[in-house]
Amino acid sequence: MKITEGKLIGTGLNIAIIASRFNELITSRLIEGAKDTLMRHDVSGSSIDILGSRCMGIALNRKRSCTDRQV
């Protein structure tokens, strides 16, 4: 069996995480896990934005002006 390994490099990426405020106990832990994973792959904390679900349309259009929370 052939095994291929590598390192994901996220240097220079800008990431938006979209999460609703519904059931914040669960979503806050999911957000923290996502941020931790991204930072382990060299994405800087200042390049990660947390957007509310009402901003999904704006985020999909790559406009980042409507933020609920920022890292």
N, C-alpha and C. Protein backbone atom coordinates (compact mmCIF):
# COMPACT_ATOMS: atom_id res chain seq x y z
N MET A 1 0.85 -1.17 0.00
CA MET A 1 0.00 0.00 0.00
C MET A 1 0.89 1.24 0.00
N LYS A 2 0.60 2.18 -0.87
CA LYS A 2 1.37 3.42 -0.97
C LYS A 2 0.80 4.45 0.00
N ILE A 3 1.65 5.03 0.82
CA ILE A 3 1.23 6.06 1.78
C ILE A 3 1.86 7.39 1.36
N THR A 4 1.03 8.39 1.22
CA THR A 4 1.50 9.72 0.87
C THR A 4 1.24 10.65 2.05
N GLU A 5 2.26 11.34 2.50
CA GLU A 5 2.12 12.26 3.62
C GLU A 5 2.60 13.63 3.21
N GLY A 6 2.12 14.62 3.90
CA GLY A 6 2.55 15.98 3.62
C GLY A 6 2.10 16.92 4.71
N LYS A 7 2.40 18.18 4.54
CA LYS A 7 2.00 19.20 5.50
C LYS A 7 1.17 20.24 4.76
N LEU A 8 -0.01 20.48 5.27
CA LEU A 8 -0.84 21.54 4.69
C LEU A 8 -0.30 22.87 5.15
N ILE A 9 -0.10 23.78 4.22
CA ILE A 9 0.44 25.09 4.54
C ILE A 9 -0.60 26.15 4.20
N GLY A 10 -1.02 26.88 5.21
CA GLY A 10 -2.06 27.89 5.02
C GLY A 10 -1.54 29.31 5.11
N THR A 11 -0.24 29.49 4.97
CA THR A 11 0.36 30.81 5.05
C THR A 11 -0.23 31.72 3.98
N GLY A 12 -0.66 32.91 4.39
CA GLY A 12 -1.19 33.89 3.44
C GLY A 12 -2.67 33.74 3.14
N LEU A 13 -3.34 32.73 3.69
CA LEU A 13 -4.77 32.57 3.44
C LEU A 13 -5.60 33.46 4.35
N ASN A 14 -6.72 33.93 3.85
CA ASN A 14 -7.72 34.61 4.66
C ASN A 14 -8.92 33.67 4.75
N ILE A 15 -9.34 33.36 5.97
CA ILE A 15 -10.38 32.37 6.20
C ILE A 15 -11.56 33.02 6.92
N ALA A 16 -12.76 32.70 6.48
CA ALA A 16 -13.97 33.12 7.18
C ALA A 16 -14.70 31.86 7.65
N ILE A 17 -15.03 31.83 8.94
CA ILE A 17 -15.81 30.75 9.52
C ILE A 17 -17.20 31.30 9.77
N ILE A 18 -18.22 30.64 9.24
CA ILE A 18 -19.60 31.09 9.40
C ILE A 18 -20.28 30.19 10.42
N ALA A 19 -20.82 30.79 11.48
CA ALA A 19 -21.48 30.02 12.53
C ALA A 19 -22.66 30.81 13.07
N SER A 20 -23.73 30.11 13.35
CA SER A 20 -24.89 30.78 13.93
C SER A 20 -24.70 30.92 15.44
N ARG A 21 -25.49 31.75 16.05
CA ARG A 21 -25.43 31.90 17.50
C ARG A 21 -26.35 30.90 18.20
N PHE A 22 -27.13 30.16 17.42
CA PHE A 22 -27.99 29.14 17.99
C PHE A 22 -27.12 28.07 18.63
N ASN A 23 -27.45 27.70 19.85
CA ASN A 23 -26.71 26.68 20.60
C ASN A 23 -25.23 27.04 20.69
N GLU A 24 -24.96 28.20 21.25
CA GLU A 24 -23.60 28.73 21.30
C GLU A 24 -22.64 27.85 22.10
N LEU A 25 -23.15 27.04 23.00
CA LEU A 25 -22.30 26.12 23.74
C LEU A 25 -21.56 25.18 22.79
N ILE A 26 -22.28 24.68 21.81
CA ILE A 26 -21.67 23.76 20.84
C ILE A 26 -20.90 24.51 19.77
N THR A 27 -21.48 25.57 19.21
CA THR A 27 -20.81 26.26 18.11
C THR A 27 -19.51 26.93 18.56
N SER A 28 -19.46 27.41 19.80
CA SER A 28 -18.22 28.04 20.27
C SER A 28 -17.08 27.03 20.34
N ARG A 29 -17.39 25.80 20.73
CA ARG A 29 -16.36 24.76 20.76
C ARG A 29 -15.93 24.35 19.35
N LEU A 30 -16.89 24.30 18.43
CA LEU A 30 -16.56 23.98 17.04
C LEU A 30 -15.67 25.07 16.43
N ILE A 31 -15.99 26.33 16.73
CA ILE A 31 -15.18 27.45 16.23
C ILE A 31 -13.76 27.37 16.79
N GLU A 32 -13.63 27.12 18.08
CA GLU A 32 -12.30 27.03 18.69
C GLU A 32 -11.50 25.89 18.08
N GLY A 33 -12.14 24.76 17.82
CA GLY A 33 -11.46 23.64 17.17
C GLY A 33 -11.02 23.97 15.76
N ALA A 34 -11.87 24.67 15.02
CA ALA A 34 -11.53 25.07 13.65
C ALA A 34 -10.35 26.05 13.66
N LYS A 35 -10.39 27.04 14.57
CA LYS A 35 -9.30 28.01 14.67
C LYS A 35 -7.99 27.32 15.05
N ASP A 36 -8.06 26.39 15.99
CA ASP A 36 -6.86 25.67 16.42
C ASP A 36 -6.26 24.88 15.26
N THR A 37 -7.10 24.19 14.50
CA THR A 37 -6.62 23.42 13.36
C THR A 37 -6.00 24.32 12.30
N LEU A 38 -6.65 25.44 12.00
CA LEU A 38 -6.11 26.37 11.01
C LEU A 38 -4.76 26.93 11.45
N MET A 39 -4.64 27.28 12.72
CA MET A 39 -3.39 27.85 13.22
C MET A 39 -2.27 26.80 13.24
N ARG A 40 -2.61 25.54 13.40
CA ARG A 40 -1.61 24.47 13.32
C ARG A 40 -1.07 24.32 11.90
N HIS A 41 -1.82 24.81 10.94
CA HIS A 41 -1.40 24.75 9.54
C HIS A 41 -0.94 26.12 9.04
N ASP A 42 -0.43 26.92 9.96
CA ASP A 42 0.23 28.20 9.66
C ASP A 42 -0.68 29.31 9.15
N VAL A 43 -1.96 29.25 9.44
CA VAL A 43 -2.85 30.38 9.15
C VAL A 43 -2.77 31.31 10.36
N SER A 44 -2.48 32.58 10.15
CA SER A 44 -2.35 33.50 11.29
C SER A 44 -3.73 33.81 11.87
N GLY A 45 -3.76 34.04 13.17
CA GLY A 45 -5.02 34.33 13.86
C GLY A 45 -5.71 35.57 13.34
N SER A 46 -4.92 36.54 12.86
CA SER A 46 -5.52 37.77 12.34
C SER A 46 -6.16 37.57 10.96
N SER A 47 -5.90 36.43 10.34
CA SER A 47 -6.47 36.13 9.02
C SER A 47 -7.76 35.30 9.11
N ILE A 48 -8.22 35.05 10.34
CA ILE A 48 -9.42 34.24 10.54
C ILE A 48 -10.53 35.14 11.05
N ASP A 49 -11.63 35.23 10.30
CA ASP A 49 -12.79 36.01 10.71
C ASP A 49 -13.93 35.06 11.04
N ILE A 50 -14.67 35.40 12.09
CA ILE A 50 -15.85 34.63 12.47
C ILE A 50 -17.06 35.45 12.07
N LEU A 51 -17.88 34.90 11.17
CA LEU A 51 -19.05 35.61 10.68
C LEU A 51 -20.31 34.93 11.20
N GLY A 52 -21.35 35.71 11.43
CA GLY A 52 -22.65 35.17 11.80
C GLY A 52 -23.36 34.64 10.56
N SER A 53 -24.34 33.80 10.78
CA SER A 53 -25.04 33.18 9.65
C SER A 53 -25.78 34.20 8.80
N ARG A 54 -26.16 35.33 9.37
CA ARG A 54 -26.86 36.34 8.56
C ARG A 54 -25.94 36.98 7.53
N CYS A 55 -24.63 36.79 7.69
CA CYS A 55 -23.65 37.35 6.76
C CYS A 55 -23.24 36.36 5.69
N MET A 56 -23.90 35.22 5.62
CA MET A 56 -23.48 34.18 4.70
C MET A 56 -23.49 34.65 3.25
N GLY A 57 -24.52 35.34 2.85
CA GLY A 57 -24.60 35.85 1.48
C GLY A 57 -23.46 36.78 1.15
N ILE A 58 -23.14 37.63 2.09
CA ILE A 58 -22.04 38.58 1.88
C ILE A 58 -20.72 37.82 1.79
N ALA A 59 -20.54 36.83 2.67
CA ALA A 59 -19.30 36.05 2.65
C ALA A 59 -19.17 35.28 1.35
N LEU A 60 -20.27 34.76 0.86
CA LEU A 60 -20.21 34.02 -0.39
C LEU A 60 -19.85 34.91 -1.56
N ASN A 61 -20.17 36.18 -1.46
CA ASN A 61 -19.79 37.15 -2.49
C ASN A 61 -18.41 37.74 -2.24
N ARG A 62 -17.73 37.17 -1.26
CA ARG A 62 -16.38 37.60 -0.88
C ARG A 62 -16.30 39.04 -0.41
N LYS A 63 -17.36 39.52 0.17
CA LYS A 63 -17.33 40.82 0.82
C LYS A 63 -17.31 40.53 2.32
N ARG A 64 -16.39 41.14 3.02
CA ARG A 64 -16.23 40.80 4.42
C ARG A 64 -16.56 41.99 5.33
N SER A 65 -17.51 42.80 4.94
CA SER A 65 -17.80 44.01 5.72
C SER A 65 -18.80 43.77 6.84
N CYS A 66 -19.52 42.67 6.83
CA CYS A 66 -20.56 42.41 7.82
C CYS A 66 -20.08 41.34 8.78
N THR A 67 -19.44 41.74 9.89
CA THR A 67 -18.92 40.77 10.85
C THR A 67 -19.67 40.88 12.17
N ASP A 68 -20.01 39.74 12.73
CA ASP A 68 -20.58 39.70 14.08
C ASP A 68 -19.48 39.71 15.11
N ARG A 69 -18.48 38.88 14.89
CA ARG A 69 -17.37 38.75 15.83
C ARG A 69 -16.10 38.62 15.02
N GLN A 70 -15.02 39.08 15.58
CA GLN A 70 -13.72 38.87 14.95
C GLN A 70 -12.81 38.23 15.96
N VAL A 71 -11.82 37.51 15.44
CA VAL A 71 -10.87 36.81 16.28
C VAL A 71 -9.96 37.82 16.95
